[in-house]
Protein backbone atom coordinates (compact mmCIF):
# COMPACT_ATOMS: atom_id res chain seq x y z
CA UNK A 1 0.00 0.00 0.00
CA UNK A 2 1.09 3.57 -0.58
CA UNK A 3 0.14 6.45 1.67
CA UNK A 4 0.39 10.02 0.39
CA UNK A 5 0.80 12.81 2.90
CA UNK A 6 0.42 16.50 2.10
CA UNK A 7 1.44 18.98 4.79
CA UNK A 8 0.54 22.65 4.35
CA UNK A 9 0.74 25.73 6.55
CA UNK A 10 -2.58 26.59 8.19
CA UNK A 11 -4.51 29.37 6.45
CA UNK A 12 -3.98 31.73 9.39
CA UNK A 13 -0.19 31.20 9.37
CA UNK A 14 2.06 33.45 7.31
CA UNK A 15 4.11 31.62 4.67
CA UNK A 16 7.27 33.67 4.02
CA UNK A 17 8.69 31.05 1.66
CA UNK A 18 5.47 31.13 -0.37
CA UNK A 19 5.59 34.94 -0.45
CA UNK A 20 9.18 34.87 -1.70
CA UNK A 21 8.27 32.42 -4.48
CA UNK A 22 5.21 34.52 -5.42
CA UNK A 23 7.39 37.64 -5.66
CA UNK A 24 9.96 35.80 -7.78
CA UNK A 25 7.23 34.49 -10.09
CA UNK A 26 5.89 38.00 -10.57
CA UNK A 27 9.40 39.29 -11.23
CA UNK A 28 9.90 36.56 -13.85
CA UNK A 29 6.86 37.57 -15.88
CA UNK A 30 3.86 36.07 -14.06
CA UNK A 31 2.03 39.11 -12.61
CA UNK A 32 -1.18 37.06 -12.47
CA UNK A 33 0.09 35.00 -9.52
CA UNK A 34 -1.80 36.13 -6.43
CA UNK A 35 -0.49 33.74 -3.77
CA UNK A 36 1.75 30.73 -3.27
CA UNK A 37 1.72 28.32 -0.32
CA UNK A 38 4.71 26.04 0.14
CA UNK A 39 4.16 22.64 1.74
CA UNK A 40 5.57 19.13 1.83
CA UNK A 41 4.51 16.04 -0.12
CA UNK A 42 5.51 12.53 0.96
CA UNK A 43 4.80 9.06 -0.41
CA UNK A 44 5.18 6.20 2.04
CA UNK A 45 5.15 2.58 0.87
CA UNK A 46 3.81 0.22 3.51
CA UNK A 47 3.84 -3.56 3.68
CA UNK A 48 0.76 -5.32 5.05
CA UNK A 49 -2.76 -4.23 5.92
CA UNK A 50 -2.91 -4.13 9.73
CA UNK A 51 -6.33 -3.23 11.17
CA UNK A 52 -5.14 -0.15 13.06
CA UNK A 53 -2.83 1.01 10.27
CA UNK A 54 -4.85 4.11 9.43
CA UNK A 55 -4.95 5.37 13.02
CA UNK A 56 -1.19 4.78 13.34
CA UNK A 57 -0.59 6.70 10.09
CA UNK A 58 -2.65 9.63 11.38
CA UNK A 59 -0.66 9.59 14.62
CA UNK A 60 2.59 9.55 12.61
CA UNK A 61 1.41 12.50 10.52
CA UNK A 62 0.37 14.47 13.60
CA UNK A 63 3.41 13.69 15.77
CA UNK A 64 6.28 13.47 13.26
CA UNK A 65 5.49 14.71 9.77
CA UNK A 66 3.63 17.90 10.66
CA UNK A 67 3.58 20.55 13.36
CA UNK A 68 -0.09 20.67 14.40
CA UNK A 69 0.29 24.19 15.80
CA UNK A 70 1.05 25.75 12.39
CA UNK A 71 0.37 22.99 9.80
CA UNK A 72 -2.50 20.85 8.56
CA UNK A 73 -2.03 17.50 6.86
CA UNK A 74 -4.03 15.36 4.45
CA UNK A 75 -3.57 11.60 4.29
CA UNK A 76 -4.54 9.56 1.22
CA UNK A 77 -4.24 5.80 1.02
CA UNK A 78 -3.95 3.91 -2.24
CA UNK A 79 -2.40 0.99 -4.01
CA UNK A 80 1.18 1.01 -5.20
CA UNK A 81 1.17 1.85 -8.90
CA UNK A 82 4.02 1.85 -11.38
CA UNK A 83 4.68 5.38 -12.53
CA UNK A 84 6.56 6.26 -15.66
CA UNK A 85 9.18 8.86 -14.82
CA UNK A 86 10.75 11.26 -17.25
CA UNK A 87 14.42 11.86 -16.54
CA UNK A 88 15.14 15.50 -15.72
CA UNK A 89 17.85 15.67 -18.35
CA UNK A 90 15.36 14.89 -21.14
CA UNK A 91 12.92 17.47 -19.84
CA UNK A 92 15.62 20.12 -19.70
CA UNK A 93 16.86 19.36 -23.22
CA UNK A 94 13.31 19.62 -24.64
CA UNK A 95 13.13 23.22 -23.46
CA UNK A 96 16.47 24.17 -24.95
CA UNK A 97 18.36 24.55 -21.69
CA UNK A 98 21.32 22.32 -21.15
CA UNK A 99 22.14 21.28 -17.60
CA UNK A 100 25.55 22.49 -16.49
CA UNK A 101 28.31 20.03 -17.15
CA UNK A 102 30.44 19.27 -14.17
CA UNK A 103 34.02 20.36 -14.53
CA UNK A 104 36.81 18.55 -12.72
CA UNK A 105 38.12 20.62 -9.85
CA UNK A 106 41.71 21.79 -10.21
CA UNK A 107 44.14 20.13 -7.85
CA UNK A 108 45.61 22.29 -5.13
CA UNK A 109 49.31 22.53 -4.77
CA UNK A 110 50.56 21.46 -1.39
CA UNK A 111 52.81 23.89 0.51
């Protein structure tokens, strides 16, 4: 089984990271962007189907994966599915941008 967890700041909590991304998006030609909220997304693969699994997952989300004072979480359960992934390098090349090639570092001379 696969559990998906989405953790987001509560609506009443300021999101400075989201504000910074919103400002950058506007600066880069997207003035239509009104707000951005930054959160966390996790996929957890679980073996077995224990009867109290869901309550333990909720406890894990509340006690470890989120801070209940400032964050809300959503938990979705589903079956493990094979997903086709596109390598980042192909995606970058399609848009005409080449990823930077790593250069060997010059060796330092010892004193």
